[in-house]
Protein backbone atom coordinates (compact mmCIF):
# COMPACT_ATOMS: atom_id res chain seq x y z
CA UNK A 1 0.00 0.00 0.00
CA UNK A 2 1.13 3.56 -0.66
CA UNK A 3 0.87 6.33 1.90
CA UNK A 4 1.24 9.90 0.67
CA UNK A 5 1.55 12.66 3.24
CA UNK A 6 2.00 16.36 2.58
CA UNK A 7 3.48 18.21 5.55
CA UNK A 8 5.14 21.27 3.99
CA UNK A 9 1.83 23.03 3.47
CA UNK A 10 -1.66 22.51 4.89
CA UNK A 11 -1.22 18.81 5.81
CA UNK A 12 -3.11 16.10 3.91
CA UNK A 13 -3.01 12.29 3.87
CA UNK A 14 -3.78 9.81 1.09
CA UNK A 15 -3.82 6.02 1.26
CA UNK A 16 -3.65 4.30 -2.13
CA UNK A 17 -4.83 7.48 -3.80
CA UNK A 18 -7.81 8.05 -1.51
CA UNK A 19 -7.67 11.01 0.83
CA UNK A 20 -7.94 10.09 4.49
CA UNK A 21 -9.61 12.18 7.19
CA UNK A 22 -9.49 10.96 10.78
CA UNK A 23 -12.22 11.71 13.33
CA UNK A 24 -9.55 12.73 15.86
CA UNK A 25 -6.88 15.34 15.10
CA UNK A 26 -4.44 13.53 17.38
CA UNK A 27 -4.56 10.61 14.95
CA UNK A 28 -3.25 12.91 12.24
CA UNK A 29 -0.71 14.32 14.69
CA UNK A 30 0.58 10.85 15.55
CA UNK A 31 1.06 9.91 11.89
CA UNK A 32 2.79 13.21 11.16
CA UNK A 33 5.18 12.67 14.06
CA UNK A 34 5.98 9.06 13.14
CA UNK A 35 6.67 9.99 9.52
CA UNK A 36 9.21 12.55 10.69
CA UNK A 37 10.70 10.72 13.67
CA UNK A 38 10.52 7.19 12.14
CA UNK A 39 10.02 5.59 15.58
CA UNK A 40 8.93 6.72 19.03
CA UNK A 41 8.37 5.14 22.41
CA UNK A 42 4.87 5.13 23.83
CA UNK A 43 6.05 7.40 26.62
CA UNK A 44 7.40 9.85 24.05
CA UNK A 45 4.08 9.93 22.19
CA UNK A 46 2.08 10.34 25.40
CA UNK A 47 4.29 13.27 26.45
CA UNK A 48 3.88 14.81 23.02
CA UNK A 49 0.11 14.51 22.62
CA UNK A 50 -1.15 14.57 26.22
CA UNK A 51 1.46 16.52 28.14
CA UNK A 52 -1.11 17.92 30.57
CA UNK A 53 -2.48 14.52 31.62
CA UNK A 54 -1.09 11.94 34.00
CA UNK A 55 0.86 9.07 32.45
CA UNK A 56 -1.77 6.38 32.96
CA UNK A 57 -4.53 8.47 31.37
CA UNK A 58 -2.19 9.29 28.51
CA UNK A 59 -1.40 5.62 27.92
CA UNK A 60 -5.09 4.78 27.85
CA UNK A 61 -5.73 7.59 25.38
CA UNK A 62 -2.92 6.31 23.18
CA UNK A 63 -4.37 2.80 23.11
CA UNK A 64 -7.73 4.24 22.11
CA UNK A 65 -6.09 6.39 19.46
CA UNK A 66 -4.29 3.42 17.90
CA UNK A 67 -7.59 1.55 17.83
CA UNK A 68 -9.28 4.48 16.08
CA UNK A 69 -6.55 4.59 13.42
CA UNK A 70 -6.70 0.84 12.82
CA UNK A 71 -10.49 0.79 12.67
CA UNK A 72 -10.70 3.85 10.42
CA UNK A 73 -8.18 2.54 7.89
CA UNK A 74 -8.91 -1.16 8.17
CA UNK A 75 -5.19 -1.93 8.47
CA UNK A 76 -2.66 -1.78 11.33
CA UNK A 77 -0.74 1.19 9.91
CA UNK A 78 1.01 1.90 13.22
CA UNK A 79 2.87 -1.11 14.60
CA UNK A 80 4.83 -1.89 17.76
CA UNK A 81 8.41 -3.07 17.28
CA UNK A 82 10.32 -5.52 19.47
CA UNK A 83 11.71 -2.67 21.55
CA UNK A 84 8.16 -1.53 22.33
CA UNK A 85 8.47 1.44 19.99
CA UNK A 86 5.79 2.69 17.63
CA UNK A 87 6.47 3.09 13.94
CA UNK A 88 4.63 3.02 10.64
CA UNK A 89 4.29 -0.36 8.96
CA UNK A 90 7.55 -0.90 6.99
CA UNK A 91 5.50 -2.54 4.23
CA UNK A 92 3.97 0.85 3.45
CA UNK A 93 5.45 2.80 0.56
CA UNK A 94 5.68 6.34 1.90
CA UNK A 95 5.81 9.46 -0.24
CA UNK A 96 6.27 12.55 1.93
CA UNK A 97 7.31 16.06 0.87
CA UNK A 98 9.07 16.59 4.22
CA UNK A 99 11.27 13.52 3.71
CA UNK A 100 12.02 14.45 0.10
CA UNK A 101 13.21 17.84 1.24
CA UNK A 102 15.08 16.96 4.44
CA UNK A 103 16.70 13.75 3.15
CA UNK A 104 17.06 14.45 -0.57
CA UNK A 105 17.25 18.23 -0.71
CA UNK A 106 14.22 18.58 -2.99
CA UNK A 107 13.29 22.14 -2.02
CA UNK A 108 10.61 22.26 -4.72
CA UNK A 109 8.63 20.07 -2.32
CA UNK A 110 8.01 23.11 -0.10
CA UNK A 111 4.66 24.83 -0.58
CA UNK A 112 4.40 26.56 2.77
CA UNK A 113 5.37 26.22 6.44
CA UNK A 114 5.59 22.81 8.09
CA UNK A 115 2.06 21.69 9.17
CA UNK A 116 0.62 25.01 8.07
CA UNK A 117 -2.52 25.80 10.09
CA UNK A 118 -2.51 22.49 11.97
CA UNK A 119 -2.64 22.13 15.73
CA UNK A 120 -4.20 20.10 18.51
CA UNK A 121 -5.92 21.32 21.63
CA UNK A 122 -4.17 21.43 25.00
CA UNK A 123 -0.75 20.17 23.93
CA UNK A 124 2.08 22.64 24.36
CA UNK A 125 4.60 19.87 23.68
CA UNK A 126 3.19 19.20 20.22
CA UNK A 127 3.14 22.91 19.41
CA UNK A 128 6.77 23.17 20.50
CA UNK A 129 7.74 20.22 18.29
CA UNK A 130 6.00 21.83 15.30
CA UNK A 131 7.81 25.13 15.92
CA UNK A 132 11.20 23.42 16.24
CA UNK A 133 10.66 21.34 13.12
CA UNK A 134 9.43 24.37 11.19
CA UNK A 135 12.63 26.19 12.17
CA UNK A 136 14.83 23.29 11.00
CA UNK A 137 13.02 23.19 7.66
CA UNK A 138 13.35 26.94 7.31
CA UNK A 139 17.11 26.92 7.99
CA UNK A 140 17.73 24.08 5.55
CA UNK A 141 15.60 25.85 2.97
CA UNK A 142 17.68 29.01 3.34
CA UNK A 143 20.84 26.95 2.88
CA UNK A 144 19.42 25.36 -0.28
CA UNK A 145 18.47 28.75 -1.66
CA UNK A 146 21.91 30.15 -0.89
CA UNK A 147 23.52 27.27 -2.80
CA UNK A 148 21.09 27.76 -5.67
CA UNK A 149 21.82 31.47 -5.80
CA UNK A 150 25.52 30.68 -6.12
CA UNK A 151 24.89 28.31 -9.01
CA UNK A 152 22.59 30.75 -10.79
CA UNK A 153 25.21 33.49 -10.58
CA UNK A 154 27.64 31.19 -12.37
CA UNK A 155 25.20 30.04 -15.03
CA UNK A 156 23.56 33.42 -15.54
CA UNK A 157 20.05 32.07 -15.04
CA UNK A 158 17.56 32.49 -12.23
CA UNK A 159 15.81 29.14 -12.62
CA UNK A 160 14.28 27.24 -9.77
CA UNK A 161 15.57 29.47 -6.97
CA UNK A 162 13.46 32.41 -8.13
CA UNK A 163 10.31 30.30 -8.64
CA UNK A 164 10.71 28.59 -5.29
CA UNK A 165 11.38 31.83 -3.41
CA UNK A 166 8.48 33.66 -5.05
CA UNK A 167 6.14 30.79 -4.19
CA UNK A 168 7.33 30.78 -0.60
CA UNK A 169 6.84 34.54 -0.26
CA UNK A 170 3.28 34.22 -1.51
CA UNK A 171 2.35 32.30 1.63
CA UNK A 172 4.94 34.01 3.88
CA UNK A 173 5.07 37.64 2.74
CA UNK A 174 6.65 38.85 6.00
CA UNK A 175 9.69 36.56 5.75
CA UNK A 176 12.48 39.12 5.52
CA UNK A 177 15.25 36.55 5.07
CA UNK A 178 13.55 35.06 2.01
CA UNK A 179 12.98 38.51 0.56
CA UNK A 180 16.66 39.33 1.06
CA UNK A 181 17.71 36.16 -0.76
CA UNK A 182 15.54 37.05 -3.73
CA UNK A 183 16.78 40.65 -3.77
CA UNK A 184 20.37 39.34 -3.71
CA UNK A 185 19.56 37.01 -6.57
CA UNK A 186 18.14 39.83 -8.67
CA UNK A 187 21.08 42.09 -7.82
CA UNK A 188 23.51 39.42 -9.04
CA UNK A 189 21.55 39.34 -12.29
CA UNK A 190 21.45 43.17 -12.53
CA UNK A 191 17.64 42.97 -12.28
CA UNK A 192 17.44 45.95 -9.98
CA UNK A 193 13.83 46.87 -10.77
CA UNK A 194 12.66 43.35 -9.80
CA UNK A 195 14.62 43.63 -6.56
CA UNK A 196 13.01 46.98 -5.76
CA UNK A 197 9.56 45.45 -6.30
CA UNK A 198 10.30 42.71 -3.75
CA UNK A 199 11.51 45.32 -1.30
CA UNK A 200 8.38 47.41 -1.80
CA UNK A 201 6.10 44.41 -1.25
CA UNK A 202 7.84 43.63 2.02
CA UNK A 203 7.70 47.25 3.11
CA UNK A 204 3.98 47.52 2.28
CA UNK A 205 3.20 44.29 4.14
C-alpha atoms as a PDB file:
ATOM      1  CA  UNK A   1       0.000   0.000   0.000  1.00  0.00           C
ATOM      2  CA  UNK A   2       1.125   3.556  -0.657  1.00  0.00           C
ATOM      3  CA  UNK A   3       0.873   6.332   1.902  1.00  0.00           C
ATOM      4  CA  UNK A   4       1.235   9.899   0.669  1.00  0.00           C
ATOM      5  CA  UNK A   5       1.546  12.657   3.238  1.00  0.00           C
ATOM      6  CA  UNK A   6       2.003  16.359   2.584  1.00  0.00           C
ATOM      7  CA  UNK A   7       3.476  18.211   5.551  1.00  0.00           C
ATOM      8  CA  UNK A   8       5.143  21.267   3.994  1.00  0.00           C
ATOM      9  CA  UNK A   9       1.829  23.030   3.473  1.00  0.00           C
ATOM     10  CA  UNK A  10      -1.661  22.514   4.890  1.00  0.00           C
ATOM     11  CA  UNK A  11      -1.224  18.811   5.810  1.00  0.00           C
ATOM     12  CA  UNK A  12      -3.108  16.103   3.911  1.00  0.00           C
ATOM     13  CA  UNK A  13      -3.008  12.292   3.869  1.00  0.00           C
ATOM     14  CA  UNK A  14      -3.784   9.807   1.088  1.00  0.00           C
ATOM     15  CA  UNK A  15      -3.817   6.020   1.262  1.00  0.00           C
ATOM     16  CA  UNK A  16      -3.651   4.295  -2.133  1.00  0.00           C
ATOM     17  CA  UNK A  17      -4.831   7.482  -3.801  1.00  0.00           C
ATOM     18  CA  UNK A  18      -7.814   8.054  -1.510  1.00  0.00           C
ATOM     19  CA  UNK A  19      -7.671  11.013   0.832  1.00  0.00           C
ATOM     20  CA  UNK A  20      -7.936  10.095   4.494  1.00  0.00           C
ATOM     21  CA  UNK A  21      -9.608  12.180   7.190  1.00  0.00           C
ATOM     22  CA  UNK A  22      -9.492  10.956  10.782  1.00  0.00           C
ATOM     23  CA  UNK A  23     -12.221  11.712  13.327  1.00  0.00           C
ATOM     24  CA  UNK A  24      -9.545  12.729  15.860  1.00  0.00           C
ATOM     25  CA  UNK A  25      -6.879  15.339  15.099  1.00  0.00           C
ATOM     26  CA  UNK A  26      -4.439  13.533  17.376  1.00  0.00           C
ATOM     27  CA  UNK A  27      -4.562  10.613  14.945  1.00  0.00           C
ATOM     28  CA  UNK A  28      -3.246  12.906  12.235  1.00  0.00           C
ATOM     29  CA  UNK A  29      -0.706  14.320  14.686  1.00  0.00           C
ATOM     30  CA  UNK A  30       0.580  10.848  15.553  1.00  0.00           C
ATOM     31  CA  UNK A  31       1.064   9.913  11.890  1.00  0.00           C
ATOM     32  CA  UNK A  32       2.789  13.214  11.162  1.00  0.00           C
ATOM     33  CA  UNK A  33       5.177  12.669  14.055  1.00  0.00           C
ATOM     34  CA  UNK A  34       5.982   9.063  13.136  1.00  0.00           C
ATOM     35  CA  UNK A  35       6.672   9.993   9.519  1.00  0.00           C
ATOM     36  CA  UNK A  36       9.215  12.550  10.687  1.00  0.00           C
ATOM     37  CA  UNK A  37      10.700  10.720  13.672  1.00  0.00           C
ATOM     38  CA  UNK A  38      10.515   7.192  12.135  1.00  0.00           C
ATOM     39  CA  UNK A  39      10.015   5.589  15.576  1.00  0.00           C
ATOM     40  CA  UNK A  40       8.928   6.722  19.029  1.00  0.00           C
ATOM     41  CA  UNK A  41       8.367   5.141  22.407  1.00  0.00           C
ATOM     42  CA  UNK A  42       4.870   5.129  23.830  1.00  0.00           C
ATOM     43  CA  UNK A  43       6.049   7.400  26.625  1.00  0.00           C
ATOM     44  CA  UNK A  44       7.395   9.849  24.054  1.00  0.00           C
ATOM     45  CA  UNK A  45       4.079   9.927  22.194  1.00  0.00           C
ATOM     46  CA  UNK A  46       2.082  10.339  25.400  1.00  0.00           C
ATOM     47  CA  UNK A  47       4.286  13.266  26.452  1.00  0.00           C
ATOM     48  CA  UNK A  48       3.880  14.815  23.018  1.00  0.00           C
ATOM     49  CA  UNK A  49       0.107  14.508  22.622  1.00  0.00           C
ATOM     50  CA  UNK A  50      -1.155  14.571  26.216  1.00  0.00           C
ATOM     51  CA  UNK A  51       1.463  16.516  28.145  1.00  0.00           C
ATOM     52  CA  UNK A  52      -1.113  17.920  30.574  1.00  0.00           C
ATOM     53  CA  UNK A  53      -2.481  14.523  31.619  1.00  0.00           C
ATOM     54  CA  UNK A  54      -1.089  11.938  33.999  1.00  0.00           C
ATOM     55  CA  UNK A  55       0.864   9.068  32.447  1.00  0.00           C
ATOM     56  CA  UNK A  56      -1.775   6.380  32.964  1.00  0.00           C
ATOM     57  CA  UNK A  57      -4.528   8.468  31.368  1.00  0.00           C
ATOM     58  CA  UNK A  58      -2.186   9.294  28.509  1.00  0.00           C
ATOM     59  CA  UNK A  59      -1.395   5.624  27.925  1.00  0.00           C
ATOM     60  CA  UNK A  60      -5.088   4.778  27.852  1.00  0.00           C
ATOM     61  CA  UNK A  61      -5.734   7.587  25.382  1.00  0.00           C
ATOM     62  CA  UNK A  62      -2.918   6.310  23.178  1.00  0.00           C
ATOM     63  CA  UNK A  63      -4.369   2.799  23.112  1.00  0.00           C
ATOM     64  CA  UNK A  64      -7.731   4.238  22.114  1.00  0.00           C
ATOM     65  CA  UNK A  65      -6.091   6.388  19.456  1.00  0.00           C
ATOM     66  CA  UNK A  66      -4.290   3.416  17.901  1.00  0.00           C
ATOM     67  CA  UNK A  67      -7.586   1.546  17.826  1.00  0.00           C
ATOM     68  CA  UNK A  68      -9.283   4.477  16.077  1.00  0.00           C
ATOM     69  CA  UNK A  69      -6.551   4.589  13.416  1.00  0.00           C
ATOM     70  CA  UNK A  70      -6.698   0.840  12.819  1.00  0.00           C
ATOM     71  CA  UNK A  71     -10.493   0.789  12.675  1.00  0.00           C
ATOM     72  CA  UNK A  72     -10.704   3.845  10.417  1.00  0.00           C
ATOM     73  CA  UNK A  73      -8.181   2.537   7.891  1.00  0.00           C
ATOM     74  CA  UNK A  74      -8.913  -1.158   8.174  1.00  0.00           C
ATOM     75  CA  UNK A  75      -5.191  -1.933   8.469  1.00  0.00           C
ATOM     76  CA  UNK A  76      -2.659  -1.779  11.331  1.00  0.00           C
ATOM     77  CA  UNK A  77      -0.739   1.190   9.905  1.00  0.00           C
ATOM     78  CA  UNK A  78       1.012   1.895  13.221  1.00  0.00           C
ATOM     79  CA  UNK A  79       2.873  -1.107  14.600  1.00  0.00           C
ATOM     80  CA  UNK A  80       4.832  -1.892  17.756  1.00  0.00           C
ATOM     81  CA  UNK A  81       8.415  -3.069  17.283  1.00  0.00           C
ATOM     82  CA  UNK A  82      10.324  -5.516  19.466  1.00  0.00           C
ATOM     83  CA  UNK A  83      11.706  -2.675  21.553  1.00  0.00           C
ATOM     84  CA  UNK A  84       8.156  -1.532  22.326  1.00  0.00           C
ATOM     85  CA  UNK A  85       8.474   1.440  19.991  1.00  0.00           C
ATOM     86  CA  UNK A  86       5.791   2.687  17.634  1.00  0.00           C
ATOM     87  CA  UNK A  87       6.467   3.093  13.936  1.00  0.00           C
ATOM     88  CA  UNK A  88       4.633   3.023  10.641  1.00  0.00           C
ATOM     89  CA  UNK A  89       4.289  -0.363   8.957  1.00  0.00           C
ATOM     90  CA  UNK A  90       7.545  -0.900   6.987  1.00  0.00           C
ATOM     91  CA  UNK A  91       5.499  -2.539   4.235  1.00  0.00           C
ATOM     92  CA  UNK A  92       3.975   0.854   3.451  1.00  0.00           C
ATOM     93  CA  UNK A  93       5.447   2.802   0.558  1.00  0.00           C
ATOM     94  CA  UNK A  94       5.680   6.339   1.902  1.00  0.00           C
ATOM     95  CA  UNK A  95       5.805   9.457  -0.235  1.00  0.00           C
ATOM     96  CA  UNK A  96       6.270  12.552   1.926  1.00  0.00           C
ATOM     97  CA  UNK A  97       7.312  16.057   0.867  1.00  0.00           C
ATOM     98  CA  UNK A  98       9.066  16.586   4.218  1.00  0.00           C
ATOM     99  CA  UNK A  99      11.271  13.520   3.705  1.00  0.00           C
ATOM    100  CA  UNK A 100      12.022  14.455   0.099  1.00  0.00           C
ATOM    101  CA  UNK A 101      13.210  17.837   1.244  1.00  0.00           C
ATOM    102  CA  UNK A 102      15.084  16.958   4.445  1.00  0.00           C
ATOM    103  CA  UNK A 103      16.699  13.753   3.151  1.00  0.00           C
ATOM    104  CA  UNK A 104      17.063  14.447  -0.569  1.00  0.00           C
ATOM    105  CA  UNK A 105      17.250  18.229  -0.707  1.00  0.00           C
ATOM    106  CA  UNK A 106      14.225  18.585  -2.987  1.00  0.00           C
ATOM    107  CA  UNK A 107      13.292  22.136  -2.018  1.00  0.00           C
ATOM    108  CA  UNK A 108      10.610  22.259  -4.716  1.00  0.00           C
ATOM    109  CA  UNK A 109       8.627  20.066  -2.320  1.00  0.00           C
ATOM    110  CA  UNK A 110       8.006  23.106  -0.102  1.00  0.00           C
ATOM    111  CA  UNK A 111       4.664  24.829  -0.585  1.00  0.00           C
ATOM    112  CA  UNK A 112       4.397  26.560   2.775  1.00  0.00           C
ATOM    113  CA  UNK A 113       5.374  26.222   6.441  1.00  0.00           C
ATOM    114  CA  UNK A 114       5.585  22.810   8.094  1.00  0.00           C
ATOM    115  CA  UNK A 115       2.059  21.686   9.169  1.00  0.00           C
ATOM    116  CA  UNK A 116       0.615  25.008   8.069  1.00  0.00           C
ATOM    117  CA  UNK A 117      -2.515  25.797  10.086  1.00  0.00           C
ATOM    118  CA  UNK A 118      -2.509  22.485  11.972  1.00  0.00           C
ATOM    119  CA  UNK A 119      -2.639  22.126  15.734  1.00  0.00           C
ATOM    120  CA  UNK A 120      -4.195  20.095  18.510  1.00  0.00           C
ATOM    121  CA  UNK A 121      -5.918  21.322  21.627  1.00  0.00           C
ATOM    122  CA  UNK A 122      -4.169  21.434  25.001  1.00  0.00           C
ATOM    123  CA  UNK A 123      -0.752  20.174  23.927  1.00  0.00           C
ATOM    124  CA  UNK A 124       2.084  22.637  24.356  1.00  0.00           C
ATOM    125  CA  UNK A 125       4.605  19.871  23.685  1.00  0.00           C
ATOM    126  CA  UNK A 126       3.194  19.198  20.218  1.00  0.00           C
ATOM    127  CA  UNK A 127       3.139  22.908  19.408  1.00  0.00           C
ATOM    128  CA  UNK A 128       6.766  23.172  20.495  1.00  0.00           C
ATOM    129  CA  UNK A 129       7.739  20.218  18.288  1.00  0.00           C
ATOM    130  CA  UNK A 130       6.001  21.835  15.304  1.00  0.00           C
ATOM    131  CA  UNK A 131       7.810  25.127  15.922  1.00  0.00           C
ATOM    132  CA  UNK A 132      11.198  23.421  16.243  1.00  0.00           C
ATOM    133  CA  UNK A 133      10.657  21.335  13.117  1.00  0.00           C
ATOM    134  CA  UNK A 134       9.434  24.366  11.193  1.00  0.00           C
ATOM    135  CA  UNK A 135      12.629  26.190  12.165  1.00  0.00           C
ATOM    136  CA  UNK A 136      14.826  23.290  10.997  1.00  0.00           C
ATOM    137  CA  UNK A 137      13.024  23.187   7.663  1.00  0.00           C
ATOM    138  CA  UNK A 138      13.354  26.938   7.311  1.00  0.00           C
ATOM    139  CA  UNK A 139      17.106  26.923   7.986  1.00  0.00           C
ATOM    140  CA  UNK A 140      17.729  24.081   5.547  1.00  0.00           C
ATOM    141  CA  UNK A 141      15.596  25.853   2.972  1.00  0.00           C
ATOM    142  CA  UNK A 142      17.675  29.009   3.342  1.00  0.00           C
ATOM    143  CA  UNK A 143      20.841  26.951   2.877  1.00  0.00           C
ATOM    144  CA  UNK A 144      19.416  25.359  -0.280  1.00  0.00           C
ATOM    145  CA  UNK A 145      18.466  28.754  -1.659  1.00  0.00           C
ATOM    146  CA  UNK A 146      21.907  30.146  -0.891  1.00  0.00           C
ATOM    147  CA  UNK A 147      23.520  27.274  -2.797  1.00  0.00           C
ATOM    148  CA  UNK A 148      21.086  27.758  -5.666  1.00  0.00           C
ATOM    149  CA  UNK A 149      21.822  31.471  -5.803  1.00  0.00           C
ATOM    150  CA  UNK A 150      25.518  30.685  -6.121  1.00  0.00           C
ATOM    151  CA  UNK A 151      24.891  28.313  -9.008  1.00  0.00           C
ATOM    152  CA  UNK A 152      22.590  30.748 -10.792  1.00  0.00           C
ATOM    153  CA  UNK A 153      25.209  33.492 -10.579  1.00  0.00           C
ATOM    154  CA  UNK A 154      27.642  31.186 -12.366  1.00  0.00           C
ATOM    155  CA  UNK A 155      25.199  30.037 -15.030  1.00  0.00           C
ATOM    156  CA  UNK A 156      23.558  33.419 -15.538  1.00  0.00           C
ATOM    157  CA  UNK A 157      20.052  32.065 -15.045  1.00  0.00           C
ATOM    158  CA  UNK A 158      17.565  32.494 -12.230  1.00  0.00           C
ATOM    159  CA  UNK A 159      15.807  29.139 -12.617  1.00  0.00           C
ATOM    160  CA  UNK A 160      14.282  27.236  -9.768  1.00  0.00           C
ATOM    161  CA  UNK A 161      15.569  29.475  -6.968  1.00  0.00           C
ATOM    162  CA  UNK A 162      13.456  32.405  -8.129  1.00  0.00           C
ATOM    163  CA  UNK A 163      10.310  30.304  -8.639  1.00  0.00           C
ATOM    164  CA  UNK A 164      10.706  28.594  -5.288  1.00  0.00           C
ATOM    165  CA  UNK A 165      11.378  31.829  -3.407  1.00  0.00           C
ATOM    166  CA  UNK A 166       8.478  33.657  -5.050  1.00  0.00           C
ATOM    167  CA  UNK A 167       6.138  30.793  -4.195  1.00  0.00           C
ATOM    168  CA  UNK A 168       7.326  30.784  -0.596  1.00  0.00           C
ATOM    169  CA  UNK A 169       6.843  34.542  -0.263  1.00  0.00           C
ATOM    170  CA  UNK A 170       3.280  34.223  -1.507  1.00  0.00           C
ATOM    171  CA  UNK A 171       2.350  32.305   1.625  1.00  0.00           C
ATOM    172  CA  UNK A 172       4.941  34.005   3.879  1.00  0.00           C
ATOM    173  CA  UNK A 173       5.073  37.642   2.743  1.00  0.00           C
ATOM    174  CA  UNK A 174       6.652  38.848   5.998  1.00  0.00           C
ATOM    175  CA  UNK A 175       9.694  36.557   5.747  1.00  0.00           C
ATOM    176  CA  UNK A 176      12.484  39.124   5.524  1.00  0.00           C
ATOM    177  CA  UNK A 177      15.249  36.553   5.070  1.00  0.00           C
ATOM    178  CA  UNK A 178      13.548  35.063   2.014  1.00  0.00           C
ATOM    179  CA  UNK A 179      12.978  38.509   0.560  1.00  0.00           C
ATOM    180  CA  UNK A 180      16.665  39.329   1.057  1.00  0.00           C
ATOM    181  CA  UNK A 181      17.706  36.162  -0.762  1.00  0.00           C
ATOM    182  CA  UNK A 182      15.544  37.050  -3.729  1.00  0.00           C
ATOM    183  CA  UNK A 183      16.784  40.647  -3.774  1.00  0.00           C
ATOM    184  CA  UNK A 184      20.365  39.336  -3.707  1.00  0.00           C
ATOM    185  CA  UNK A 185      19.556  37.007  -6.571  1.00  0.00           C
ATOM    186  CA  UNK A 186      18.142  39.826  -8.672  1.00  0.00           C
ATOM    187  CA  UNK A 187      21.078  42.085  -7.822  1.00  0.00           C
ATOM    188  CA  UNK A 188      23.515  39.424  -9.041  1.00  0.00           C
ATOM    189  CA  UNK A 189      21.548  39.340 -12.290  1.00  0.00           C
ATOM    190  CA  UNK A 190      21.449  43.173 -12.527  1.00  0.00           C
ATOM    191  CA  UNK A 191      17.645  42.972 -12.285  1.00  0.00           C
ATOM    192  CA  UNK A 192      17.435  45.948  -9.981  1.00  0.00           C
ATOM    193  CA  UNK A 193      13.826  46.865 -10.769  1.00  0.00           C
ATOM    194  CA  UNK A 194      12.664  43.346  -9.797  1.00  0.00           C
ATOM    195  CA  UNK A 195      14.618  43.629  -6.561  1.00  0.00           C
ATOM    196  CA  UNK A 196      13.013  46.981  -5.762  1.00  0.00           C
ATOM    197  CA  UNK A 197       9.560  45.448  -6.295  1.00  0.00           C
ATOM    198  CA  UNK A 198      10.303  42.708  -3.755  1.00  0.00           C
ATOM    199  CA  UNK A 199      11.512  45.320  -1.295  1.00  0.00           C
ATOM    200  CA  UNK A 200       8.380  47.412  -1.805  1.00  0.00           C
ATOM    201  CA  UNK A 201       6.095  44.411  -1.254  1.00  0.00           C
ATOM    202  CA  UNK A 202       7.843  43.627   2.018  1.00  0.00           C
ATOM    203  CA  UNK A 203       7.697  47.253   3.113  1.00  0.00           C
ATOM    204  CA  UNK A 204       3.982  47.516   2.277  1.00  0.00           C
ATOM    205  CA  UNK A 205       3.200  44.293   4.139  1.00  0.00           C
END
